[in-house]
């Protein structure tokens, strides 16, 4: 499992790696995925290194709610309407071990009604 020191998302948070940031505040950062799976593919992460949702603690309740509202606000900012997906990957498909959400939109342009 990755540690904070070798976590690619922590390197983006600390600006050691470049990213195309679409939203940032004191606790959250959102940026475009470099290998998008949809016309709109944004990664939304807490700046604090939390390995996964399973590792989140009770004291992260406010942060987790703030992430949900940031996701909602991004769907409005990006004019995504009500057609979008939000997913969090698992170990078997190569997850980066830093809690993150994939905001996917523009899917109706690819496959009709989703």
PDB file of N, CA and C in Angstrom:
ATOM      1  N   UNK A   1       0.839  -1.181   0.000  1.00  0.00           N
ATOM      2  CA  UNK A   1       0.000   0.000   0.000  1.00  0.00           C
ATOM      3  C   UNK A   1       0.885   1.245   0.000  1.00  0.00           C
ATOM      4  N   UNK A   2       0.441   2.243  -0.717  1.00  0.00           N
ATOM      5  CA  UNK A   2       1.211   3.478  -0.793  1.00  0.00           C
ATOM      6  C   UNK A   2       1.190   4.227   0.525  1.00  0.00           C
ATOM      7  N   UNK A   3       2.247   4.959   0.785  1.00  0.00           N
ATOM      8  CA  UNK A   3       2.288   5.842   1.938  1.00  0.00           C
ATOM      9  C   UNK A   3       2.132   7.267   1.444  1.00  0.00           C
ATOM     10  N   UNK A   4       1.975   8.169   2.370  1.00  0.00           N
ATOM     11  CA  UNK A   4       1.829   9.581   2.000  1.00  0.00           C
ATOM     12  C   UNK A   4       3.024  10.068   1.181  1.00  0.00           C
ATOM     13  N   UNK A   5       4.216   9.558   1.495  1.00  0.00           N
ATOM     14  CA  UNK A   5       5.426  10.015   0.806  1.00  0.00           C
ATOM     15  C   UNK A   5       5.481   9.616  -0.658  1.00  0.00           C
ATOM     16  N   UNK A   6       4.887   8.453  -1.010  1.00  0.00           N
ATOM     17  CA  UNK A   6       4.946   8.047  -2.412  1.00  0.00           C
ATOM     18  C   UNK A   6       3.578   8.088  -3.100  1.00  0.00           C
ATOM     19  N   UNK A   7       2.624   8.743  -2.486  1.00  0.00           N
ATOM     20  CA  UNK A   7       1.272   8.864  -3.026  1.00  0.00           C
ATOM     21  C   UNK A   7       1.243   9.932  -4.125  1.00  0.00           C
ATOM     22  N   UNK A   8       0.822   9.532  -5.316  1.00  0.00           N
ATOM     23  CA  UNK A   8       0.772  10.471  -6.444  1.00  0.00           C
ATOM     24  C   UNK A   8      -0.196  11.628  -6.158  1.00  0.00           C
ATOM     25  N   UNK A   9      -1.303  11.342  -5.472  1.00  0.00           N
ATOM     26  CA  UNK A   9      -2.264  12.415  -5.182  1.00  0.00           C
ATOM     27  C   UNK A   9      -1.702  13.395  -4.153  1.00  0.00           C
ATOM     28  N   UNK A  10      -0.941  12.909  -3.171  1.00  0.00           N
ATOM     29  CA  UNK A  10      -0.295  13.825  -2.216  1.00  0.00           C
ATOM     30  C   UNK A  10       0.719  14.717  -2.937  1.00  0.00           C
ATOM     31  N   UNK A  11       1.364  14.182  -3.965  1.00  0.00           N
ATOM     32  CA  UNK A  11       2.308  14.985  -4.744  1.00  0.00           C
ATOM     33  C   UNK A  11       1.570  16.056  -5.549  1.00  0.00           C
ATOM     34  N   UNK A  12       0.361  15.755  -6.000  1.00  0.00           N
ATOM     35  CA  UNK A  12      -0.452  16.772  -6.685  1.00  0.00           C
ATOM     36  C   UNK A  12      -0.900  17.832  -5.684  1.00  0.00           C
ATOM     37  N   UNK A  13      -1.344  17.402  -4.505  1.00  0.00           N
ATOM     38  CA  UNK A  13      -1.769  18.348  -3.458  1.00  0.00           C
ATOM     39  C   UNK A  13      -0.638  19.304  -3.108  1.00  0.00           C
ATOM     40  N   UNK A  14       0.595  18.783  -2.979  1.00  0.00           N
ATOM     41  CA  UNK A  14       1.744  19.617  -2.598  1.00  0.00           C
ATOM     42  C   UNK A  14       2.353  20.360  -3.788  1.00  0.00           C
ATOM     43  N   UNK A  15       1.758  20.191  -4.966  1.00  0.00           N
ATOM     44  CA  UNK A  15       2.187  20.857  -6.207  1.00  0.00           C
ATOM     45  C   UNK A  15       3.563  20.376  -6.688  1.00  0.00           C
ATOM     46  N   UNK A  16       3.956  19.178  -6.246  1.00  0.00           N
ATOM     47  CA  UNK A  16       5.196  18.573  -6.760  1.00  0.00           C
ATOM     48  C   UNK A  16       4.964  17.987  -8.150  1.00  0.00           C
ATOM     49  N   UNK A  17       3.702  17.647  -8.438  1.00  0.00           N
ATOM     50  CA  UNK A  17       3.314  17.176  -9.766  1.00  0.00           C
ATOM     51  C   UNK A  17       2.277  18.141 -10.331  1.00  0.00           C
ATOM     52  N   UNK A  18       2.339  18.411 -11.626  1.00  0.00           N
ATOM     53  CA  UNK A  18       1.367  19.320 -12.223  1.00  0.00           C
ATOM     54  C   UNK A  18       0.000  18.651 -12.368  1.00  0.00           C
ATOM     55  N   UNK A  19      -1.039  19.461 -12.384  1.00  0.00           N
ATOM     56  CA  UNK A  19      -2.391  18.968 -12.628  1.00  0.00           C
ATOM     57  C   UNK A  19      -3.227  20.115 -13.176  1.00  0.00           C
ATOM     58  N   UNK A  20      -4.319  19.764 -13.793  1.00  0.00           N
ATOM     59  CA  UNK A  20      -5.244  20.754 -14.331  1.00  0.00           C
ATOM     60  C   UNK A  20      -6.380  20.910 -13.319  1.00  0.00           C
ATOM     61  N   UNK A  21      -6.183  21.810 -12.363  1.00  0.00           N
ATOM     62  CA  UNK A  21      -7.095  21.988 -11.232  1.00  0.00           C
ATOM     63  C   UNK A  21      -8.355  22.723 -11.689  1.00  0.00           C
ATOM     64  N   UNK A  22      -9.518  22.165 -11.306  1.00  0.00           N
ATOM     65  CA  UNK A  22     -10.793  22.813 -11.617  1.00  0.00           C
ATOM     66  C   UNK A  22     -11.459  23.367 -10.364  1.00  0.00           C
ATOM     67  N   UNK A  23     -11.005  22.932  -9.183  1.00  0.00           N
ATOM     68  CA  UNK A  23     -11.524  23.428  -7.913  1.00  0.00           C
ATOM     69  C   UNK A  23     -10.499  23.145  -6.831  1.00  0.00           C
ATOM     70  N   UNK A  24     -10.380  24.098  -5.901  1.00  0.00           N
ATOM     71  CA  UNK A  24      -9.497  23.892  -4.759  1.00  0.00           C
ATOM     72  C   UNK A  24      -9.943  24.781  -3.621  1.00  0.00           C
ATOM     73  N   UNK A  25      -9.943  24.213  -2.421  1.00  0.00           N
ATOM     74  CA  UNK A  25     -10.110  25.015  -1.216  1.00  0.00           C
ATOM     75  C   UNK A  25      -9.105  24.503  -0.182  1.00  0.00           C
ATOM     76  N   UNK A  26      -9.306  24.819   1.077  1.00  0.00           N
ATOM     77  CA  UNK A  26      -8.331  24.451   2.106  1.00  0.00           C
ATOM     78  C   UNK A  26      -8.239  22.944   2.311  1.00  0.00           C
ATOM     79  N   UNK A  27      -9.332  22.195   2.013  1.00  0.00           N
ATOM     80  CA  UNK A  27      -9.371  20.772   2.362  1.00  0.00           C
ATOM     81  C   UNK A  27      -9.572  19.830   1.187  1.00  0.00           C
ATOM     82  N   UNK A  28      -9.908  20.375   0.018  1.00  0.00           N
ATOM     83  CA  UNK A  28     -10.243  19.529  -1.138  1.00  0.00           C
ATOM     84  C   UNK A  28      -9.572  20.081  -2.384  1.00  0.00           C
ATOM     85  N   UNK A  29      -9.221  19.184  -3.290  1.00  0.00           N
ATOM     86  CA  UNK A  29      -8.721  19.596  -4.596  1.00  0.00           C
ATOM     87  C   UNK A  29      -9.391  18.707  -5.652  1.00  0.00           C
ATOM     88  N   UNK A  30      -9.747  19.305  -6.776  1.00  0.00           N
ATOM     89  CA  UNK A  30     -10.357  18.566  -7.883  1.00  0.00           C
ATOM     90  C   UNK A  30      -9.591  18.923  -9.154  1.00  0.00           C
ATOM     91  N   UNK A  31      -9.288  17.903  -9.949  1.00  0.00           N
ATOM     92  CA  UNK A  31      -8.490  18.125 -11.155  1.00  0.00           C
ATOM     93  C   UNK A  31      -8.904  17.140 -12.238  1.00  0.00           C
ATOM     94  N   UNK A  32      -8.588  17.491 -13.483  1.00  0.00           N
ATOM     95  CA  UNK A  32      -8.929  16.644 -14.615  1.00  0.00           C
ATOM     96  C   UNK A  32      -8.063  15.391 -14.615  1.00  0.00           C
ATOM     97  N   UNK A  33      -8.699  14.249 -14.888  1.00  0.00           N
ATOM     98  CA  UNK A  33      -7.975  12.982 -14.988  1.00  0.00           C
ATOM     99  C   UNK A  33      -7.123  13.004 -16.251  1.00  0.00           C
ATOM    100  N   UNK A  34      -5.886  12.532 -16.165  1.00  0.00           N
ATOM    101  CA  UNK A  34      -5.006  12.562 -17.343  1.00  0.00           C
ATOM    102  C   UNK A  34      -5.332  11.458 -18.342  1.00  0.00           C
ATOM    103  N   UNK A  35      -6.100  10.448 -17.918  1.00  0.00           N
ATOM    104  CA  UNK A  35      -6.560   9.375 -18.805  1.00  0.00           C
ATOM    105  C   UNK A  35      -8.076   9.268 -18.674  1.00  0.00           C
ATOM    106  N   UNK A  36      -8.817  10.239 -19.217  1.00  0.00           N
ATOM    107  CA  UNK A  36     -10.261  10.286 -18.976  1.00  0.00           C
ATOM    108  C   UNK A  36     -11.015   9.086 -19.537  1.00  0.00           C
ATOM    109  N   UNK A  37     -12.032   8.667 -18.782  1.00  0.00           N
ATOM    110  CA  UNK A  37     -12.918   7.573 -19.185  1.00  0.00           C
ATOM    111  C   UNK A  37     -14.238   8.097 -19.723  1.00  0.00           C
ATOM    112  N   UNK A  38     -14.388   9.412 -19.753  1.00  0.00           N
ATOM    113  CA  UNK A  38     -15.621  10.050 -20.211  1.00  0.00           C
ATOM    114  C   UNK A  38     -15.256  11.457 -20.686  1.00  0.00           C
ATOM    115  N   UNK A  39     -16.147  12.107 -21.430  1.00  0.00           N
ATOM    116  CA  UNK A  39     -15.861  13.478 -21.875  1.00  0.00           C
ATOM    117  C   UNK A  39     -15.509  14.421 -20.717  1.00  0.00           C
ATOM    118  N   UNK A  40     -16.164  14.252 -19.580  1.00  0.00           N
ATOM    119  CA  UNK A  40     -15.803  14.986 -18.362  1.00  0.00           C
ATOM    120  C   UNK A  40     -15.360  13.940 -17.352  1.00  0.00           C
ATOM    121  N   UNK A  41     -14.114  14.037 -16.884  1.00  0.00           N
ATOM    122  CA  UNK A  41     -13.587  13.087 -15.897  1.00  0.00           C
ATOM    123  C   UNK A  41     -12.713  13.874 -14.919  1.00  0.00           C
ATOM    124  N   UNK A  42     -13.275  14.130 -13.757  1.00  0.00           N
ATOM    125  CA  UNK A  42     -12.624  14.924 -12.713  1.00  0.00           C
ATOM    126  C   UNK A  42     -12.359  14.024 -11.507  1.00  0.00           C
ATOM    127  N   UNK A  43     -11.176  14.135 -10.938  1.00  0.00           N
ATOM    128  CA  UNK A  43     -10.856  13.459  -9.684  1.00  0.00           C
ATOM    129  C   UNK A  43     -11.019  14.464  -8.555  1.00  0.00           C
ATOM    130  N   UNK A  44     -11.730  14.059  -7.521  1.00  0.00           N
ATOM    131  CA  UNK A  44     -11.958  14.915  -6.356  1.00  0.00           C
ATOM    132  C   UNK A  44     -11.391  14.192  -5.151  1.00  0.00           C
ATOM    133  N   UNK A  45     -10.451  14.860  -4.449  1.00  0.00           N
ATOM    134  CA  UNK A  45      -9.757  14.210  -3.332  1.00  0.00           C
ATOM    135  C   UNK A  45      -9.649  15.152  -2.143  1.00  0.00           C
ATOM    136  N   UNK A  46      -9.579  14.579  -0.941  1.00  0.00           N
ATOM    137  CA  UNK A  46      -9.233  15.413   0.210  1.00  0.00           C
ATOM    138  C   UNK A  46      -7.737  15.695   0.174  1.00  0.00           C
ATOM    139  N   UNK A  47      -7.338  16.838   0.647  1.00  0.00           N
ATOM    140  CA  UNK A  47      -5.906  17.133   0.723  1.00  0.00           C
ATOM    141  C   UNK A  47      -5.229  16.284   1.794  1.00  0.00           C
ATOM    142  N   UNK A  48      -5.977  15.946   2.819  1.00  0.00           N
ATOM    143  CA  UNK A  48      -5.453  15.057   3.858  1.00  0.00           C
ATOM    144  C   UNK A  48      -5.330  13.651   3.281  1.00  0.00           C
ATOM    145  N   UNK A  49      -4.229  12.987   3.570  1.00  0.00           N
ATOM    146  CA  UNK A  49      -4.045  11.623   3.073  1.00  0.00           C
ATOM    147  C   UNK A  49      -4.892  10.666   3.903  1.00  0.00           C
ATOM    148  N   UNK A  50      -5.968  10.188   3.284  1.00  0.00           N
ATOM    149  CA  UNK A  50      -6.811   9.133   3.839  1.00  0.00           C
ATOM    150  C   UNK A  50      -6.733   8.020   2.807  1.00  0.00           C
ATOM    151  N   UNK A  51      -6.272   6.848   3.198  1.00  0.00           N
ATOM    152  CA  UNK A  51      -6.002   5.781   2.238  1.00  0.00           C
ATOM    153  C   UNK A  51      -7.222   5.341   1.449  1.00  0.00           C
ATOM    154  N   UNK A  52      -8.380   5.257   2.098  1.00  0.00           N
ATOM    155  CA  UNK A  52      -9.591   4.790   1.433  1.00  0.00           C
ATOM    156  C   UNK A  52     -10.788   5.173   2.289  1.00  0.00           C
ATOM    157  N   UNK A  53     -11.971   4.986   1.733  1.00  0.00           N
ATOM    158  CA  UNK A  53     -13.175   5.254   2.509  1.00  0.00           C
ATOM    159  C   UNK A  53     -13.234   4.339   3.727  1.00  0.00           C
ATOM    160  N   UNK A  54     -12.766   3.113   3.583  1.00  0.00           N
ATOM    161  CA  UNK A  54     -12.746   2.171   4.700  1.00  0.00           C
ATOM    162  C   UNK A  54     -11.840   2.652   5.833  1.00  0.00           C
ATOM    163  N   UNK A  55     -10.842   3.466   5.512  1.00  0.00           N
ATOM    164  CA  UNK A  55      -9.906   3.979   6.511  1.00  0.00           C
ATOM    165  C   UNK A  55     -10.341   5.316   7.105  1.00  0.00           C
ATOM    166  N   UNK A  56     -11.419   5.898   6.585  1.00  0.00           N
ATOM    167  CA  UNK A  56     -11.907   7.174   7.118  1.00  0.00           C
ATOM    168  C   UNK A  56     -12.374   6.977   8.557  1.00  0.00           C
ATOM    169  N   UNK A  57     -12.162   7.975   9.363  1.00  0.00           N
ATOM    170  CA  UNK A  57     -12.529   7.933  10.782  1.00  0.00           C
ATOM    171  C   UNK A  57     -13.797   8.760  11.018  1.00  0.00           C
ATOM    172  N   UNK A  58     -14.388   8.597  12.178  1.00  0.00           N
ATOM    173  CA  UNK A  58     -15.583   9.363  12.517  1.00  0.00           C
ATOM    174  C   UNK A  58     -15.329  10.869  12.458  1.00  0.00           C
ATOM    175  N   UNK A  59     -14.084  11.290  12.771  1.00  0.00           N
ATOM    176  CA  UNK A  59     -13.785  12.722  12.741  1.00  0.00           C
ATOM    177  C   UNK A  59     -13.654  13.255  11.314  1.00  0.00           C
ATOM    178  N   UNK A  60     -13.779  12.395  10.301  1.00  0.00           N
ATOM    179  CA  UNK A  60     -13.758  12.838   8.907  1.00  0.00           C
ATOM    180  C   UNK A  60     -15.164  13.131   8.375  1.00  0.00           C
ATOM    181  N   UNK A  61     -16.166  13.020   9.223  1.00  0.00           N
ATOM    182  CA  UNK A  61     -17.557  13.173   8.793  1.00  0.00           C
ATOM    183  C   UNK A  61     -17.783  14.504   8.066  1.00  0.00           C
ATOM    184  N   UNK A  62     -17.302  15.583   8.634  1.00  0.00           N
ATOM    185  CA  UNK A  62     -17.495  16.898   8.011  1.00  0.00           C
ATOM    186  C   UNK A  62     -16.761  16.988   6.675  1.00  0.00           C
ATOM    187  N   UNK A  63     -15.546  16.483   6.604  1.00  0.00           N
ATOM    188  CA  UNK A  63     -14.773  16.487   5.364  1.00  0.00           C
ATOM    189  C   UNK A  63     -15.475  15.670   4.278  1.00  0.00           C
ATOM    190  N   UNK A  64     -15.986  14.496   4.632  1.00  0.00           N
ATOM    191  CA  UNK A  64     -16.675  13.653   3.659  1.00  0.00           C
ATOM    192  C   UNK A  64     -17.927  14.350   3.127  1.00  0.00           C
ATOM    193  N   UNK A  65     -18.649  15.035   4.001  1.00  0.00           N
ATOM    194  CA  UNK A  65     -19.811  15.807   3.557  1.00  0.00           C
ATOM    195  C   UNK A  65     -19.402  16.958   2.650  1.00  0.00           C
ATOM    196  N   UNK A  66     -18.297  17.603   2.983  1.00  0.00           N
ATOM    197  CA  UNK A  66     -17.795  18.707   2.155  1.00  0.00           C
ATOM    198  C   UNK A  66     -17.412  18.216   0.757  1.00  0.00           C
ATOM    199  N   UNK A  67     -16.849  17.018   0.683  1.00  0.00           N
ATOM    200  CA  UNK A  67     -16.505  16.440  -0.623  1.00  0.00           C
ATOM    201  C   UNK A  67     -17.775  16.207  -1.438  1.00  0.00           C
ATOM    202  N   UNK A  68     -18.811  15.664  -0.800  1.00  0.00           N
ATOM    203  CA  UNK A  68     -20.069  15.423  -1.507  1.00  0.00           C
ATOM    204  C   UNK A  68     -20.639  16.729  -2.069  1.00  0.00           C
ATOM    205  N   UNK A  69     -20.603  17.788  -1.281  1.00  0.00           N
ATOM    206  CA  UNK A  69     -21.111  19.084  -1.749  1.00  0.00           C
ATOM    207  C   UNK A  69     -20.226  19.658  -2.847  1.00  0.00           C
ATOM    208  N   UNK A  70     -18.918  19.430  -2.763  1.00  0.00           N
ATOM    209  CA  UNK A  70     -18.018  19.879  -3.827  1.00  0.00           C
ATOM    210  C   UNK A  70     -18.339  19.143  -5.131  1.00  0.00           C
ATOM    211  N   UNK A  71     -18.618  17.853  -5.039  1.00  0.00           N
ATOM    212  CA  UNK A  71     -19.012  17.087  -6.223  1.00  0.00           C
ATOM    213  C   UNK A  71     -20.291  17.670  -6.830  1.00  0.00           C
ATOM    214  N   UNK A  72     -21.269  17.945  -5.983  1.00  0.00           N
ATOM    215  CA  UNK A  72     -22.518  18.554  -6.462  1.00  0.00           C
ATOM    216  C   UNK A  72     -22.254  19.885  -7.142  1.00  0.00           C
ATOM    217  N   UNK A  73     -21.432  20.713  -6.510  1.00  0.00           N
ATOM    218  CA  UNK A  73     -21.138  22.041  -7.071  1.00  0.00           C
ATOM    219  C   UNK A  73     -20.400  21.926  -8.403  1.00  0.00           C
ATOM    220  N   UNK A  74     -19.528  20.948  -8.527  1.00  0.00           N
ATOM    221  CA  UNK A  74     -18.820  20.745  -9.794  1.00  0.00           C
ATOM    222  C   UNK A  74     -19.779  20.337 -10.903  1.00  0.00           C
ATOM    223  N   UNK A  75     -20.779  19.504 -10.584  1.00  0.00           N
ATOM    224  CA  UNK A  75     -21.737  19.115 -11.615  1.00  0.00           C
ATOM    225  C   UNK A  75     -22.494  20.335 -12.125  1.00  0.00           C
ATOM    226  N   UNK A  76     -22.755  21.273 -11.235  1.00  0.00           N
ATOM    227  CA  UNK A  76     -23.433  22.517 -11.653  1.00  0.00           C
ATOM    228  C   UNK A  76     -22.488  23.403 -12.454  1.00  0.00           C
ATOM    229  N   UNK A  77     -21.272  23.590 -11.957  1.00  0.00           N
ATOM    230  CA  UNK A  77     -20.287  24.428 -12.634  1.00  0.00           C
ATOM    231  C   UNK A  77     -20.000  23.926 -14.048  1.00  0.00           C
ATOM    232  N   UNK A  78     -19.937  22.609 -14.195  1.00  0.00           N
ATOM    233  CA  UNK A  78     -19.617  22.001 -15.485  1.00  0.00           C
ATOM    234  C   UNK A  78     -20.865  21.718 -16.325  1.00  0.00           C
ATOM    235  N   UNK A  79     -22.024  22.190 -15.828  1.00  0.00           N
ATOM    236  CA  UNK A  79     -23.300  22.039 -16.538  1.00  0.00           C
ATOM    237  C   UNK A  79     -23.573  20.581 -16.923  1.00  0.00           C
ATOM    238  N   UNK A  80     -23.415  19.695 -15.934  1.00  0.00           N
ATOM    239  CA  UNK A  80     -23.584  18.267 -16.165  1.00  0.00           C
ATOM    240  C   UNK A  80     -25.024  17.813 -15.987  1.00  0.00           C
ATOM    241  N   UNK A  81     -25.895  18.687 -15.507  1.00  0.00           N
ATOM    242  CA  UNK A  81     -27.278  18.286 -15.284  1.00  0.00           C
ATOM    243  C   UNK A  81     -27.353  17.195 -14.237  1.00  0.00           C
ATOM    244  N   UNK A  82     -28.255  16.241 -14.476  1.00  0.00           N
ATOM    245  CA  UNK A  82     -28.429  15.149 -13.521  1.00  0.00           C
ATOM    246  C   UNK A  82     -27.852  13.837 -14.038  1.00  0.00           C
ATOM    247  N   UNK A  83     -27.074  13.895 -15.118  1.00  0.00           N
ATOM    248  CA  UNK A  83     -26.510  12.679 -15.693  1.00  0.00           C
ATOM    249  C   UNK A  83     -25.011  12.653 -15.437  1.00  0.00           C
ATOM    250  N   UNK A  84     -24.615  11.920 -14.396  1.00  0.00           N
ATOM    251  CA  UNK A  84     -23.199  11.783 -14.056  1.00  0.00           C
ATOM    252  C   UNK A  84     -23.030  10.555 -13.191  1.00  0.00           C
ATOM    253  N   UNK A  85     -21.787  10.111 -13.068  1.00  0.00           N
ATOM    254  CA  UNK A  85     -21.432   8.992 -12.202  1.00  0.00           C
ATOM    255  C   UNK A  85     -20.344   9.449 -11.242  1.00  0.00           C
ATOM    256  N   UNK A  86     -20.384   8.890 -10.056  1.00  0.00           N
ATOM    257  CA  UNK A  86     -19.329   9.126  -9.064  1.00  0.00           C
ATOM    258  C   UNK A  86     -18.915   7.756  -8.568  1.00  0.00           C
ATOM    259  N   UNK A  87     -17.633   7.419  -8.767  1.00  0.00           N
ATOM    260  CA  UNK A  87     -17.157   6.099  -8.368  1.00  0.00           C
ATOM    261  C   UNK A  87     -15.843   6.192  -7.596  1.00  0.00           C
ATOM    262  N   UNK A  88     -15.638   5.235  -6.739  1.00  0.00           N
ATOM    263  CA  UNK A  88     -14.397   5.101  -5.986  1.00  0.00           C
ATOM    264  C   UNK A  88     -13.874   3.699  -6.265  1.00  0.00           C
ATOM    265  N   UNK A  89     -12.675   3.597  -6.764  1.00  0.00           N
ATOM    266  CA  UNK A  89     -12.117   2.313  -7.193  1.00  0.00           C
ATOM    267  C   UNK A  89     -11.728   1.424  -6.024  1.00  0.00           C
ATOM    268  N   UNK A  90     -11.429   0.161  -6.343  1.00  0.00           N
ATOM    269  CA  UNK A  90     -10.973  -0.807  -5.349  1.00  0.00           C
ATOM    270  C   UNK A  90      -9.596  -1.350  -5.694  1.00  0.00           C
ATOM    271  N   UNK A  91      -9.013  -2.078  -4.771  1.00  0.00           N
ATOM    272  CA  UNK A  91      -7.650  -2.604  -4.896  1.00  0.00           C
ATOM    273  C   UNK A  91      -7.453  -3.428  -6.163  1.00  0.00           C
ATOM    274  N   UNK A  92      -8.410  -4.246  -6.540  1.00  0.00           N
ATOM    275  CA  UNK A  92      -8.248  -5.168  -7.657  1.00  0.00           C
ATOM    276  C   UNK A  92      -8.121  -4.464  -9.007  1.00  0.00           C
ATOM    277  N   UNK A  93      -8.492  -3.207  -9.078  1.00  0.00           N
ATOM    278  CA  UNK A  93      -8.378  -2.493 -10.356  1.00  0.00           C
ATOM    279  C   UNK A  93      -7.366  -1.355 -10.278  1.00  0.00           C
ATOM    280  N   UNK A  94      -6.381  -1.496  -9.388  1.00  0.00           N
ATOM    281  CA  UNK A  94      -5.248  -0.586  -9.360  1.00  0.00           C
ATOM    282  C   UNK A  94      -5.499   0.757  -8.696  1.00  0.00           C
ATOM    283  N   UNK A  95      -6.287   0.774  -7.642  1.00  0.00           N
ATOM    284  CA  UNK A  95      -6.605   2.023  -6.965  1.00  0.00           C
ATOM    285  C   UNK A  95      -5.369   2.714  -6.422  1.00  0.00           C
ATOM    286  N   UNK A  96      -5.323   4.021  -6.574  1.00  0.00           N
ATOM    287  CA  UNK A  96      -4.357   4.853  -5.857  1.00  0.00           C
ATOM    288  C   UNK A  96      -4.867   4.914  -4.425  1.00  0.00           C
ATOM    289  N   UNK A  97      -4.015   4.632  -3.457  1.00  0.00           N
ATOM    290  CA  UNK A  97      -4.468   4.574  -2.072  1.00  0.00           C
ATOM    291  C   UNK A  97      -4.465   5.939  -1.413  1.00  0.00           C
ATOM    292  N   UNK A  98      -5.371   6.750  -1.913  1.00  0.00           N
ATOM    293  CA  UNK A  98      -5.707   8.061  -1.366  1.00  0.00           C
ATOM    294  C   UNK A  98      -7.176   8.211  -1.723  1.00  0.00           C
ATOM    295  N   UNK A  99      -8.018   8.400  -0.736  1.00  0.00           N
ATOM    296  CA  UNK A  99      -9.451   8.500  -0.980  1.00  0.00           C
ATOM    297  C   UNK A  99      -9.714   9.441  -2.147  1.00  0.00           C
ATOM    298  N   UNK A 100     -10.487   8.988  -3.111  1.00  0.00           N
ATOM    299  CA  UNK A 100     -10.784   9.827  -4.272  1.00  0.00           C
ATOM    300  C   UNK A 100     -12.091   9.407  -4.912  1.00  0.00           C
ATOM    301  N   UNK A 101     -12.666  10.345  -5.600  1.00  0.00           N
ATOM    302  CA  UNK A 101     -13.913  10.127  -6.321  1.00  0.00           C
ATOM    303  C   UNK A 101     -13.688  10.514  -7.770  1.00  0.00           C
ATOM    304  N   UNK A 102     -14.240   9.720  -8.665  1.00  0.00           N
ATOM    305  CA  UNK A 102     -14.206  10.023 -10.095  1.00  0.00           C
ATOM    306  C   UNK A 102     -15.564  10.622 -10.444  1.00  0.00           C
ATOM    307  N   UNK A 103     -15.572  11.836 -10.922  1.00  0.00           N
ATOM    308  CA  UNK A 103     -16.796  12.461 -11.395  1.00  0.00           C
ATOM    309  C   UNK A 103     -16.789  12.334 -12.912  1.00  0.00           C
ATOM    310  N   UNK A 104     -17.707  11.523 -13.429  1.00  0.00           N
ATOM    311  CA  UNK A 104     -17.771  11.250 -14.867  1.00  0.00           C
ATOM    312  C   UNK A 104     -19.040  11.848 -15.435  1.00  0.00           C
ATOM    313  N   UNK A 105     -18.899  12.599 -16.525  1.00  0.00           N
ATOM    314  CA  UNK A 105     -20.052  13.212 -17.165  1.00  0.00           C
ATOM    315  C   UNK A 105     -19.898  13.249 -18.663  1.00  0.00           C
ATOM    316  N   UNK A 106     -20.946  13.707 -19.320  1.00  0.00           N
ATOM    317  CA  UNK A 106     -20.952  13.740 -20.771  1.00  0.00           C
ATOM    318  C   UNK A 106     -21.181  12.360 -21.359  1.00  0.00           C
ATOM    319  N   UNK A 107     -21.608  11.421 -20.515  1.00  0.00           N
ATOM    320  CA  UNK A 107     -21.787  10.042 -20.953  1.00  0.00           C
ATOM    321  C   UNK A 107     -22.947   9.888 -21.919  1.00  0.00           C
ATOM    322  N   UNK A 108     -23.980  10.717 -21.772  1.00  0.00           N
ATOM    323  CA  UNK A 108     -25.130  10.612 -22.658  1.00  0.00           C
ATOM    324  C   UNK A 108     -24.736  10.879 -24.098  1.00  0.00           C
ATOM    325  N   UNK A 109     -23.660  11.603 -24.319  1.00  0.00           N
ATOM    326  CA  UNK A 109     -23.165  11.874 -25.664  1.00  0.00           C
ATOM    327  C   UNK A 109     -22.542  10.629 -26.283  1.00  0.00           C
ATOM    328  N   UNK A 110     -22.121   9.686 -25.421  1.00  0.00           N
ATOM    329  CA  UNK A 110     -21.458   8.483 -25.904  1.00  0.00           C
ATOM    330  C   UNK A 110     -22.427   7.331 -26.126  1.00  0.00           C
ATOM    331  N   UNK A 111     -23.430   7.199 -25.247  1.00  0.00           N
ATOM    332  CA  UNK A 111     -24.229   5.969 -25.272  1.00  0.00           C
ATOM    333  C   UNK A 111     -25.728   6.187 -25.169  1.00  0.00           C
ATOM    334  N   UNK A 112     -26.229   7.352 -25.504  1.00  0.00           N
ATOM    335  CA  UNK A 112     -27.659   7.590 -25.368  1.00  0.00           C
ATOM    336  C   UNK A 112     -28.028   7.736 -23.913  1.00  0.00           C
ATOM    337  N   UNK A 113     -29.217   7.300 -23.552  1.00  0.00           N
ATOM    338  CA  UNK A 113     -29.672   7.409 -22.166  1.00  0.00           C
ATOM    339  C   UNK A 113     -28.838   6.511 -21.276  1.00  0.00           C
ATOM    340  N   UNK A 114     -28.386   7.075 -20.160  1.00  0.00           N
ATOM    341  CA  UNK A 114     -27.565   6.318 -19.207  1.00  0.00           C
ATOM    342  C   UNK A 114     -28.431   5.883 -18.052  1.00  0.00           C
TER     343      UNK A 114
END
